[in-house]
Amino acid sequence: KNRIYRYNFFFDNCATRPRDIIEKYVDGKVE
C-alpha cells in the first residue's frame, strides 16, 4: 500500500529518494 510513487526524472527518482530518506532520519542536518 506504500511502495508506489510518482516518478520524476529530475526531482524524485532512484537517487533523490535515498538521499531524502537519509536526510530525514539522521539526528541533525546533513551539510
PDB file of all heavy atoms in Angstrom:
ATOM      1  N   LYS A   1       0.808  -1.218   0.000  1.00  0.00           N
ATOM      2  CA  LYS A   1       0.000   0.000   0.000  1.00  0.00           C
ATOM      3  C   LYS A   1       0.846   1.277   0.000  1.00  0.00           C
ATOM      4  O   LYS A   1       0.321   2.365  -0.245  1.00  0.00           O
ATOM      5  CB  LYS A   1      -0.938   0.017   1.210  1.00  0.00           C
ATOM      6  CG  LYS A   1      -0.227   0.046   2.556  1.00  0.00           C
ATOM      7  CD  LYS A   1      -1.215   0.059   3.699  1.00  0.00           C
ATOM      8  CE  LYS A   1      -0.492   0.086   5.060  1.00  0.00           C
ATOM      9  NZ  LYS A   1      -1.465   0.116   6.178  1.00  0.00           N
ATOM     10  N   ASN A   2       2.156   1.146   0.253  1.00  0.00           N
ATOM     11  CA  ASN A   2       3.014   2.333   0.381  1.00  0.00           C
ATOM     12  C   ASN A   2       4.123   2.404  -0.661  1.00  0.00           C
ATOM     13  O   ASN A   2       4.803   3.431  -0.764  1.00  0.00           O
ATOM     14  CB  ASN A   2       3.677   2.358   1.768  1.00  0.00           C
ATOM     15  CG  ASN A   2       2.675   2.315   2.893  1.00  0.00           C
ATOM     16  OD1 ASN A   2       1.611   2.903   2.817  1.00  0.00           O
ATOM     17  ND2 ASN A   2       3.015   1.609   3.961  1.00  0.00           N
ATOM     18  N   ARG A   3       4.336   1.331  -1.420  1.00  0.00           N
ATOM     19  CA  ARG A   3       5.559   1.234  -2.212  1.00  0.00           C
ATOM     20  C   ARG A   3       5.565   2.053  -3.506  1.00  0.00           C
ATOM     21  O   ARG A   3       6.609   2.299  -4.087  1.00  0.00           O
ATOM     22  CB  ARG A   3       5.833  -0.230  -2.541  1.00  0.00           C
ATOM     23  CG  ARG A   3       4.815  -0.857  -3.483  1.00  0.00           C
ATOM     24  CD  ARG A   3       5.187  -2.290  -3.807  1.00  0.00           C
ATOM     25  NE  ARG A   3       4.254  -2.893  -4.744  1.00  0.00           N
ATOM     26  CZ  ARG A   3       3.472  -3.910  -4.448  1.00  0.00           C
ATOM     27  NH1 ARG A   3       3.495  -4.415  -3.226  1.00  0.00           N
ATOM     28  NH2 ARG A   3       2.658  -4.426  -5.348  1.00  0.00           N
ATOM     29  N   ILE A   4       4.396   2.470  -3.983  1.00  0.00           N
ATOM     30  CA  ILE A   4       4.321   3.151  -5.285  1.00  0.00           C
ATOM     31  C   ILE A   4       4.479   4.652  -5.114  1.00  0.00           C
ATOM     32  O   ILE A   4       3.950   5.258  -4.187  1.00  0.00           O
ATOM     33  CB  ILE A   4       2.990   2.832  -5.984  1.00  0.00           C
ATOM     34  CG1 ILE A   4       2.908   1.329  -6.302  1.00  0.00           C
ATOM     35  CG2 ILE A   4       2.833   3.638  -7.267  1.00  0.00           C
ATOM     36  CD1 ILE A   4       1.584   0.881  -6.876  1.00  0.00           C
ATOM     37  N   TYR A   5       5.229   5.270  -6.009  1.00  0.00           N
ATOM     38  CA  TYR A   5       5.373   6.731  -6.005  1.00  0.00           C
ATOM     39  C   TYR A   5       5.416   7.244  -7.442  1.00  0.00           C
ATOM     40  O   TYR A   5       5.761   6.515  -8.364  1.00  0.00           O
ATOM     41  CB  TYR A   5       6.614   7.153  -5.221  1.00  0.00           C
ATOM     42  CG  TYR A   5       7.949   6.878  -5.909  1.00  0.00           C
ATOM     43  CD1 TYR A   5       8.607   7.871  -6.629  1.00  0.00           C
ATOM     44  CD2 TYR A   5       8.565   5.619  -5.829  1.00  0.00           C
ATOM     45  CE1 TYR A   5       9.829   7.632  -7.238  1.00  0.00           C
ATOM     46  CE2 TYR A   5       9.779   5.373  -6.438  1.00  0.00           C
ATOM     47  CZ  TYR A   5      10.418   6.388  -7.144  1.00  0.00           C
ATOM     48  OH  TYR A   5      11.624   6.146  -7.762  1.00  0.00           O
ATOM     49  N   ARG A   6       5.065   8.509  -7.599  1.00  0.00           N
ATOM     50  CA  ARG A   6       5.044   9.139  -8.925  1.00  0.00           C
ATOM     51  C   ARG A   6       6.453   9.593  -9.287  1.00  0.00           C
ATOM     52  O   ARG A   6       7.023  10.478  -8.683  1.00  0.00           O
ATOM     53  CB  ARG A   6       4.058  10.302  -8.939  1.00  0.00           C
ATOM     54  CG  ARG A   6       3.958  11.065 -10.259  1.00  0.00           C
ATOM     55  CD  ARG A   6       3.584  10.197 -11.450  1.00  0.00           C
ATOM     56  NE  ARG A   6       2.461   9.321 -11.222  1.00  0.00           N
ATOM     57  CZ  ARG A   6       1.179   9.702 -11.356  1.00  0.00           C
ATOM     58  NH1 ARG A   6       0.885  10.938 -11.699  1.00  0.00           N
ATOM     59  NH2 ARG A   6       0.213   8.831 -11.150  1.00  0.00           N
ATOM     60  N   TYR A   7       7.013   8.950 -10.290  1.00  0.00           N
ATOM     61  CA  TYR A   7       8.399   9.190 -10.698  1.00  0.00           C
ATOM     62  C   TYR A   7       8.550  10.551 -11.375  1.00  0.00           C
ATOM     63  O   TYR A   7       7.708  10.984 -12.153  1.00  0.00           O
ATOM     64  CB  TYR A   7       8.821   8.079 -11.660  1.00  0.00           C
ATOM     65  CG  TYR A   7      10.205   8.206 -12.231  1.00  0.00           C
ATOM     66  CD1 TYR A   7      11.315   7.803 -11.512  1.00  0.00           C
ATOM     67  CD2 TYR A   7      10.394   8.721 -13.512  1.00  0.00           C
ATOM     68  CE1 TYR A   7      12.586   7.896 -12.046  1.00  0.00           C
ATOM     69  CE2 TYR A   7      11.663   8.818 -14.064  1.00  0.00           C
ATOM     70  CZ  TYR A   7      12.761   8.407 -13.319  1.00  0.00           C
ATOM     71  OH  TYR A   7      14.017   8.502 -13.862  1.00  0.00           O
ATOM     72  N   ASN A   8       9.648  11.222 -11.045  1.00  0.00           N
ATOM     73  CA  ASN A   8      10.003  12.482 -11.687  1.00  0.00           C
ATOM     74  C   ASN A   8      11.498  12.422 -11.967  1.00  0.00           C
ATOM     75  O   ASN A   8      12.305  12.302 -11.038  1.00  0.00           O
ATOM     76  CB  ASN A   8       9.664  13.664 -10.773  1.00  0.00           C
ATOM     77  CG  ASN A   8       9.941  15.012 -11.424  1.00  0.00           C
ATOM     78  OD1 ASN A   8      11.060  15.286 -11.856  1.00  0.00           O
ATOM     79  ND2 ASN A   8       8.926  15.859 -11.483  1.00  0.00           N
ATOM     80  N   PHE A   9      11.876  12.503 -13.234  1.00  0.00           N
ATOM     81  CA  PHE A   9      13.256  12.238 -13.633  1.00  0.00           C
ATOM     82  C   PHE A   9      14.266  13.108 -12.900  1.00  0.00           C
ATOM     83  O   PHE A   9      15.323  12.635 -12.469  1.00  0.00           O
ATOM     84  CB  PHE A   9      13.408  12.429 -15.145  1.00  0.00           C
ATOM     85  CG  PHE A   9      14.799  12.129 -15.645  1.00  0.00           C
ATOM     86  CD1 PHE A   9      15.228  10.816 -15.775  1.00  0.00           C
ATOM     87  CD2 PHE A   9      15.672  13.147 -15.967  1.00  0.00           C
ATOM     88  CE1 PHE A   9      16.510  10.534 -16.215  1.00  0.00           C
ATOM     89  CE2 PHE A   9      16.956  12.869 -16.410  1.00  0.00           C
ATOM     90  CZ  PHE A   9      17.372  11.561 -16.535  1.00  0.00           C
ATOM     91  N   PHE A  10      13.969  14.386 -12.745  1.00  0.00           N
ATOM     92  CA  PHE A  10      14.926  15.298 -12.130  1.00  0.00           C
ATOM     93  C   PHE A  10      14.791  15.395 -10.609  1.00  0.00           C
ATOM     94  O   PHE A  10      15.790  15.575  -9.914  1.00  0.00           O
ATOM     95  CB  PHE A  10      14.780  16.711 -12.716  1.00  0.00           C
ATOM     96  CG  PHE A  10      15.290  16.837 -14.125  1.00  0.00           C
ATOM     97  CD1 PHE A  10      14.458  17.282 -15.138  1.00  0.00           C
ATOM     98  CD2 PHE A  10      16.597  16.523 -14.435  1.00  0.00           C
ATOM     99  CE1 PHE A  10      14.927  17.409 -16.442  1.00  0.00           C
ATOM    100  CE2 PHE A  10      17.077  16.637 -15.734  1.00  0.00           C
ATOM    101  CZ  PHE A  10      16.233  17.083 -16.732  1.00  0.00           C
ATOM    102  N   PHE A  11      13.571  15.294 -10.095  1.00  0.00           N
ATOM    103  CA  PHE A  11      13.357  15.682  -8.705  1.00  0.00           C
ATOM    104  C   PHE A  11      12.831  14.585  -7.789  1.00  0.00           C
ATOM    105  O   PHE A  11      12.739  14.789  -6.587  1.00  0.00           O
ATOM    106  CB  PHE A  11      12.404  16.888  -8.662  1.00  0.00           C
ATOM    107  CG  PHE A  11      12.875  18.037  -9.505  1.00  0.00           C
ATOM    108  CD1 PHE A  11      12.151  18.434 -10.624  1.00  0.00           C
ATOM    109  CD2 PHE A  11      14.045  18.697  -9.210  1.00  0.00           C
ATOM    110  CE1 PHE A  11      12.584  19.491 -11.414  1.00  0.00           C
ATOM    111  CE2 PHE A  11      14.494  19.754  -9.990  1.00  0.00           C
ATOM    112  CZ  PHE A  11      13.774  20.157 -11.101  1.00  0.00           C
ATOM    113  N   ASP A  12      12.499  13.416  -8.330  1.00  0.00           N
ATOM    114  CA  ASP A  12      12.011  12.330  -7.475  1.00  0.00           C
ATOM    115  C   ASP A  12      12.288  11.005  -8.168  1.00  0.00           C
ATOM    116  O   ASP A  12      11.423  10.447  -8.843  1.00  0.00           O
ATOM    117  CB  ASP A  12      10.513  12.500  -7.203  1.00  0.00           C
ATOM    118  CG  ASP A  12      10.031  11.673  -6.018  1.00  0.00           C
ATOM    119  OD1 ASP A  12      10.820  10.868  -5.501  1.00  0.00           O
ATOM    120  OD2 ASP A  12       8.866  11.836  -5.614  1.00  0.00           O
ATOM    121  N   ASN A  13      13.490  10.488  -7.970  1.00  0.00           N
ATOM    122  CA  ASN A  13      13.878   9.282  -8.686  1.00  0.00           C
ATOM    123  C   ASN A  13      14.665   8.337  -7.773  1.00  0.00           C
ATOM    124  O   ASN A  13      14.673   8.499  -6.546  1.00  0.00           O
ATOM    125  CB  ASN A  13      14.677   9.639  -9.947  1.00  0.00           C
ATOM    126  CG  ASN A  13      16.009  10.311  -9.624  1.00  0.00           C
ATOM    127  OD1 ASN A  13      16.465  10.335  -8.483  1.00  0.00           O
ATOM    128  ND2 ASN A  13      16.640  10.872 -10.633  1.00  0.00           N
ATOM    129  N   CYS A  14      15.367   7.389  -8.362  1.00  0.00           N
ATOM    130  CA  CYS A  14      16.055   6.355  -7.581  1.00  0.00           C
ATOM    131  C   CYS A  14      17.216   6.908  -6.770  1.00  0.00           C
ATOM    132  O   CYS A  14      17.694   6.247  -5.840  1.00  0.00           O
ATOM    133  CB  CYS A  14      16.559   5.250  -8.507  1.00  0.00           C
ATOM    134  SG  CYS A  14      17.984   5.728  -9.521  1.00  0.00           S
ATOM    135  N   ALA A  15      17.701   8.092  -7.102  1.00  0.00           N
ATOM    136  CA  ALA A  15      18.800   8.704  -6.352  1.00  0.00           C
ATOM    137  C   ALA A  15      18.297   9.716  -5.330  1.00  0.00           C
ATOM    138  O   ALA A  15      18.794   9.762  -4.199  1.00  0.00           O
ATOM    139  CB  ALA A  15      19.779   9.375  -7.311  1.00  0.00           C
ATOM    140  N   THR A  16      17.321  10.525  -5.708  1.00  0.00           N
ATOM    141  CA  THR A  16      16.829  11.544  -4.775  1.00  0.00           C
ATOM    142  C   THR A  16      16.070  10.923  -3.607  1.00  0.00           C
ATOM    143  O   THR A  16      16.102  11.462  -2.497  1.00  0.00           O
ATOM    144  CB  THR A  16      15.916  12.552  -5.493  1.00  0.00           C
ATOM    145  OG1 THR A  16      14.764  11.876  -6.014  1.00  0.00           O
ATOM    146  CG2 THR A  16      16.648  13.239  -6.647  1.00  0.00           C
ATOM    147  N   ARG A  17      15.405   9.798  -3.827  1.00  0.00           N
ATOM    148  CA  ARG A  17      14.665   9.149  -2.735  1.00  0.00           C
ATOM    149  C   ARG A  17      15.604   8.685  -1.607  1.00  0.00           C
ATOM    150  O   ARG A  17      15.365   9.015  -0.445  1.00  0.00           O
ATOM    151  CB  ARG A  17      13.851   7.972  -3.279  1.00  0.00           C
ATOM    152  CG  ARG A  17      12.595   8.392  -4.016  1.00  0.00           C
ATOM    153  CD  ARG A  17      11.367   8.205  -3.161  1.00  0.00           C
ATOM    154  NE  ARG A  17      10.242   8.979  -3.650  1.00  0.00           N
ATOM    155  CZ  ARG A  17       9.009   8.882  -3.174  1.00  0.00           C
ATOM    156  NH1 ARG A  17       8.759   8.052  -2.173  1.00  0.00           N
ATOM    157  NH2 ARG A  17       8.037   9.632  -3.644  1.00  0.00           N
ATOM    158  N   PRO A  18      16.651   7.906  -1.898  1.00  0.00           N
ATOM    159  CA  PRO A  18      17.576   7.542  -0.818  1.00  0.00           C
ATOM    160  C   PRO A  18      18.196   8.754  -0.130  1.00  0.00           C
ATOM    161  O   PRO A  18      18.349   8.764   1.098  1.00  0.00           O
ATOM    162  CB  PRO A  18      18.645   6.710  -1.547  1.00  0.00           C
ATOM    163  CG  PRO A  18      17.924   6.126  -2.714  1.00  0.00           C
ATOM    164  CD  PRO A  18      16.979   7.204  -3.159  1.00  0.00           C
ATOM    165  N   ARG A  19      18.571   9.755  -0.912  1.00  0.00           N
ATOM    166  CA  ARG A  19      19.144  10.963  -0.310  1.00  0.00           C
ATOM    167  C   ARG A  19      18.168  11.607   0.669  1.00  0.00           C
ATOM    168  O   ARG A  19      18.538  11.950   1.809  1.00  0.00           O
ATOM    169  CB  ARG A  19      19.502  11.974  -1.408  1.00  0.00           C
ATOM    170  CG  ARG A  19      20.063  13.292  -0.891  1.00  0.00           C
ATOM    171  CD  ARG A  19      19.872  14.397  -1.915  1.00  0.00           C
ATOM    172  NE  ARG A  19      18.460  14.664  -2.175  1.00  0.00           N
ATOM    173  CZ  ARG A  19      18.012  15.378  -3.203  1.00  0.00           C
ATOM    174  NH1 ARG A  19      18.870  15.883  -4.085  1.00  0.00           N
ATOM    175  NH2 ARG A  19      16.716  15.578  -3.366  1.00  0.00           N
ATOM    176  N   ASP A  20      16.913  11.775   0.243  1.00  0.00           N
ATOM    177  CA  ASP A  20      15.918  12.427   1.100  1.00  0.00           C
ATOM    178  C   ASP A  20      15.626  11.606   2.358  1.00  0.00           C
ATOM    179  O   ASP A  20      15.394  12.159   3.433  1.00  0.00           O
ATOM    180  CB  ASP A  20      14.635  12.672   0.312  1.00  0.00           C
ATOM    181  CG  ASP A  20      14.825  13.677  -0.821  1.00  0.00           C
ATOM    182  OD1 ASP A  20      15.849  14.384  -0.817  1.00  0.00           O
ATOM    183  OD2 ASP A  20      13.949  13.736  -1.708  1.00  0.00           O
ATOM    184  N   ILE A  21      15.636  10.279   2.209  1.00  0.00           N
ATOM    185  CA  ILE A  21      15.382   9.412   3.367  1.00  0.00           C
ATOM    186  C   ILE A  21      16.527   9.524   4.377  1.00  0.00           C
ATOM    187  O   ILE A  21      16.304   9.622   5.588  1.00  0.00           O
ATOM    188  CB  ILE A  21      15.199   7.954   2.905  1.00  0.00           C
ATOM    189  CG1 ILE A  21      13.908   7.815   2.097  1.00  0.00           C
ATOM    190  CG2 ILE A  21      15.169   6.995   4.102  1.00  0.00           C
ATOM    191  CD1 ILE A  21      13.776   6.495   1.376  1.00  0.00           C
ATOM    192  N   ILE A  22      17.744   9.521   3.881  1.00  0.00           N
ATOM    193  CA  ILE A  22      18.902   9.672   4.771  1.00  0.00           C
ATOM    194  C   ILE A  22      18.837  11.003   5.498  1.00  0.00           C
ATOM    195  O   ILE A  22      19.028  11.074   6.725  1.00  0.00           O
ATOM    196  CB  ILE A  22      20.214   9.562   3.962  1.00  0.00           C
ATOM    197  CG1 ILE A  22      20.382   8.138   3.413  1.00  0.00           C
ATOM    198  CG2 ILE A  22      21.409   9.942   4.834  1.00  0.00           C
ATOM    199  CD1 ILE A  22      21.501   8.011   2.397  1.00  0.00           C
ATOM    200  N   GLU A  23      18.552  12.075   4.759  1.00  0.00           N
ATOM    201  CA  GLU A  23      18.475  13.402   5.379  1.00  0.00           C
ATOM    202  C   GLU A  23      17.379  13.457   6.445  1.00  0.00           C
ATOM    203  O   GLU A  23      17.531  14.136   7.467  1.00  0.00           O
ATOM    204  CB  GLU A  23      18.207  14.461   4.305  1.00  0.00           C
ATOM    205  CG  GLU A  23      19.370  14.694   3.364  1.00  0.00           C
ATOM    206  CD  GLU A  23      19.073  15.716   2.280  1.00  0.00           C
ATOM    207  OE1 GLU A  23      17.889  16.112   2.153  1.00  0.00           O
ATOM    208  OE2 GLU A  23      19.994  16.109   1.563  1.00  0.00           O
ATOM    209  N   LYS A  24      16.300  12.752   6.218  1.00  0.00           N
ATOM    210  CA  LYS A  24      15.170  12.796   7.152  1.00  0.00           C
ATOM    211  C   LYS A  24      15.452  12.035   8.443  1.00  0.00           C
ATOM    212  O   LYS A  24      15.033  12.472   9.529  1.00  0.00           O
ATOM    213  CB  LYS A  24      13.926  12.220   6.470  1.00  0.00           C
ATOM    214  CG  LYS A  24      12.689  12.214   7.360  1.00  0.00           C
ATOM    215  CD  LYS A  24      11.473  11.671   6.607  1.00  0.00           C
ATOM    216  CE  LYS A  24      10.234  11.664   7.513  1.00  0.00           C
ATOM    217  NZ  LYS A  24       9.040  11.133   6.799  1.00  0.00           N
ATOM    218  N   TYR A  25      16.185  10.928   8.365  1.00  0.00           N
ATOM    219  CA  TYR A  25      16.312  10.055   9.531  1.00  0.00           C
ATOM    220  C   TYR A  25      17.635  10.177  10.285  1.00  0.00           C
ATOM    221  O   TYR A  25      17.846   9.471  11.268  1.00  0.00           O
ATOM    222  CB  TYR A  25      16.052   8.601   9.123  1.00  0.00           C
ATOM    223  CG  TYR A  25      14.575   8.354   8.960  1.00  0.00           C
ATOM    224  CD1 TYR A  25      13.957   8.499   7.720  1.00  0.00           C
ATOM    225  CD2 TYR A  25      13.772   8.050  10.049  1.00  0.00           C
ATOM    226  CE1 TYR A  25      12.590   8.320   7.568  1.00  0.00           C
ATOM    227  CE2 TYR A  25      12.407   7.878   9.915  1.00  0.00           C
ATOM    228  CZ  TYR A  25      11.820   8.007   8.676  1.00  0.00           C
ATOM    229  OH  TYR A  25      10.448   7.857   8.536  1.00  0.00           O
ATOM    230  N   VAL A  26      18.525  11.074   9.865  1.00  0.00           N
ATOM    231  CA  VAL A  26      19.700  11.351  10.696  1.00  0.00           C
ATOM    232  C   VAL A  26      19.295  12.351  11.776  1.00  0.00           C
ATOM    233  O   VAL A  26      18.406  13.193  11.568  1.00  0.00           O
ATOM    234  CB  VAL A  26      20.878  11.906   9.872  1.00  0.00           C
ATOM    235  CG1 VAL A  26      21.345  10.890   8.853  1.00  0.00           C
ATOM    236  CG2 VAL A  26      20.526  13.233   9.196  1.00  0.00           C
ATOM    237  N   ASP A  27      19.921  12.235  12.926  1.00  0.00           N
ATOM    238  CA  ASP A  27      19.632  13.125  14.054  1.00  0.00           C
ATOM    239  C   ASP A  27      20.499  14.370  13.908  1.00  0.00           C
ATOM    240  O   ASP A  27      21.585  14.476  14.490  1.00  0.00           O
ATOM    241  CB  ASP A  27      19.920  12.420  15.378  1.00  0.00           C
ATOM    242  CG  ASP A  27      19.509  13.269  16.578  1.00  0.00           C
ATOM    243  OD1 ASP A  27      18.774  14.266  16.368  1.00  0.00           O
ATOM    244  OD2 ASP A  27      19.922  12.954  17.708  1.00  0.00           O
ATOM    245  N   GLY A  28      20.031  15.313  13.119  1.00  0.00           N
ATOM    246  CA  GLY A  28      20.779  16.520  12.805  1.00  0.00           C
ATOM    247  C   GLY A  28      20.527  16.910  11.361  1.00  0.00           C
ATOM    248  O   GLY A  28      19.571  16.450  10.738  1.00  0.00           O
ATOM    249  N   LYS A  29      21.414  17.713  10.843  1.00  0.00           N
ATOM    250  CA  LYS A  29      21.277  18.180   9.470  1.00  0.00           C
ATOM    251  C   LYS A  29      22.475  17.733   8.649  1.00  0.00           C
ATOM    252  O   LYS A  29      23.615  17.813   9.110  1.00  0.00           O
ATOM    253  CB  LYS A  29      21.184  19.714   9.431  1.00  0.00           C
ATOM    254  CG  LYS A  29      21.026  20.291   8.038  1.00  0.00           C
ATOM    255  CD  LYS A  29      20.960  21.807   8.082  1.00  0.00           C
ATOM    256  CE  LYS A  29      20.827  22.384   6.667  1.00  0.00           C
ATOM    257  NZ  LYS A  29      20.810  23.866   6.682  1.00  0.00           N
ATOM    258  N   VAL A  30      22.189  17.240   7.455  1.00  0.00           N
ATOM    259  CA  VAL A  30      23.277  16.847   6.562  1.00  0.00           C
ATOM    260  C   VAL A  30      23.769  18.088   5.819  1.00  0.00           C
ATOM    261  O   VAL A  30      23.000  18.752   5.123  1.00  0.00           O
ATOM    262  CB  VAL A  30      22.811  15.781   5.551  1.00  0.00           C
ATOM    263  CG1 VAL A  30      23.954  15.432   4.599  1.00  0.00           C
ATOM    264  CG2 VAL A  30      22.329  14.531   6.270  1.00  0.00           C
ATOM    265  N   GLU A  31      25.040  18.386   6.008  1.00  0.00           N
ATOM    266  CA  GLU A  31      25.649  19.515   5.308  1.00  0.00           C
ATOM    267  C   GLU A  31      26.669  18.975   4.318  1.00  0.00           C
ATOM    268  O   GLU A  31      27.566  18.210   4.691  1.00  0.00           O
ATOM    269  CB  GLU A  31      26.306  20.476   6.294  1.00  0.00           C
ATOM    270  CG  GLU A  31      25.300  21.241   7.143  1.00  0.00           C
ATOM    271  CD  GLU A  31      25.943  22.368   7.940  1.00  0.00           C
ATOM    272  OE1 GLU A  31      27.201  22.487   7.900  1.00  0.00           O
ATOM    273  OE2 GLU A  31      25.200  23.117   8.604  1.00  0.00           O
TER     274      GLU A  31
END
